[in-house]
Amino acid sequence: MADFDQSVKFIVAQPFLIRSEVQGVVRRHIPDYLLLTDADPVLVDVKPREPVNDTKVAETFEWVQHVIESLG
């Protein structure tokens, strides 16, 4: 879908590694895509429907969202 969105100017696959220590455990995650748009950058993670309900996957998404939002 992003390929056809005219507001998306650039797409980067697996753009960077997010790494931080959370409660004494080092967490790592590489987002699937970074979309550079006319408005704001958009970070995209792609998962099949069933794993999204998995607690570990949900916690990872929440953690990534927190990290990105904390960066402004």
Protein backbone atom coordinates (compact mmCIF):
# COMPACT_ATOMS: atom_id res chain seq x y z
CA MET A 1 0.00 0.00 0.00
CA ALA A 2 2.82 2.41 0.83
CA ASP A 3 4.25 1.97 -2.67
CA PHE A 4 1.11 3.61 -4.06
CA ASP A 5 0.62 6.30 -1.40
CA GLN A 6 1.68 9.61 -2.96
CA SER A 7 2.52 11.09 0.45
CA VAL A 8 5.23 8.41 0.94
CA LYS A 9 8.48 9.74 -0.51
CA PHE A 10 10.90 7.03 0.60
CA ILE A 11 10.69 3.50 2.04
CA VAL A 12 13.49 1.88 4.03
CA ALA A 13 13.33 -1.83 4.90
CA GLN A 14 14.69 -2.83 8.32
CA PRO A 15 15.92 0.71 8.90
CA PHE A 16 17.63 0.40 12.29
CA LEU A 17 18.07 -1.57 15.49
CA ILE A 18 16.28 -0.42 18.63
CA ARG A 19 18.15 -1.58 21.70
CA SER A 20 17.72 -0.70 25.35
CA GLU A 21 17.78 -2.24 28.79
CA VAL A 22 14.38 -2.77 30.35
CA GLN A 23 14.25 -4.01 33.95
CA GLY A 24 17.76 -5.43 33.67
CA VAL A 25 17.11 -7.22 30.36
CA VAL A 26 18.52 -5.99 27.04
CA ARG A 27 15.71 -5.74 24.48
CA ARG A 28 16.32 -5.56 20.74
CA HIS A 29 13.99 -5.00 17.82
CA ILE A 30 14.40 -4.14 14.14
CA PRO A 31 11.26 -2.52 12.69
CA ASP A 32 10.17 -3.81 9.30
CA TYR A 33 9.84 -0.48 7.49
CA LEU A 34 10.36 3.24 7.87
CA LEU A 35 8.18 5.37 5.62
CA LEU A 36 9.27 8.95 5.05
CA THR A 37 6.12 10.90 4.24
CA ASP A 38 5.14 14.48 3.51
CA ALA A 39 3.98 14.86 7.13
CA ASP A 40 5.88 12.64 9.57
CA PRO A 41 8.00 9.49 9.44
CA VAL A 42 5.96 6.32 9.96
CA LEU A 43 7.41 3.17 11.52
CA VAL A 44 5.78 -0.08 10.36
CA ASP A 45 5.96 -3.58 11.82
CA VAL A 46 4.34 -6.40 9.88
CA LYS A 47 3.03 -9.50 11.65
CA PRO A 48 0.48 -12.16 10.74
CA ARG A 49 -2.85 -11.68 12.51
CA GLU A 50 -2.51 -14.50 15.07
CA PRO A 51 0.88 -13.57 16.59
CA VAL A 52 -0.36 -10.02 17.19
CA ASN A 53 -2.49 -11.41 20.04
CA ASP A 54 0.58 -13.06 21.58
CA THR A 55 1.59 -11.33 24.83
CA LYS A 56 5.28 -11.14 23.89
CA VAL A 57 4.49 -9.58 20.49
CA ALA A 58 2.08 -7.08 22.07
CA GLU A 59 4.67 -6.14 24.70
CA THR A 60 7.28 -5.62 21.98
CA PHE A 61 4.95 -3.34 20.03
CA GLU A 62 4.19 -1.33 23.19
CA TRP A 63 7.88 -1.04 24.03
CA VAL A 64 8.80 0.08 20.50
CA GLN A 65 5.99 2.65 20.52
CA HIS A 66 7.19 4.00 23.88
CA VAL A 67 10.81 4.27 22.67
CA ILE A 68 9.88 6.04 19.43
CA GLU A 69 7.46 8.44 21.14
CA SER A 70 10.06 9.26 23.79
CA LEU A 71 12.37 10.42 20.98
CA GLY A 72 9.76 12.87 19.76
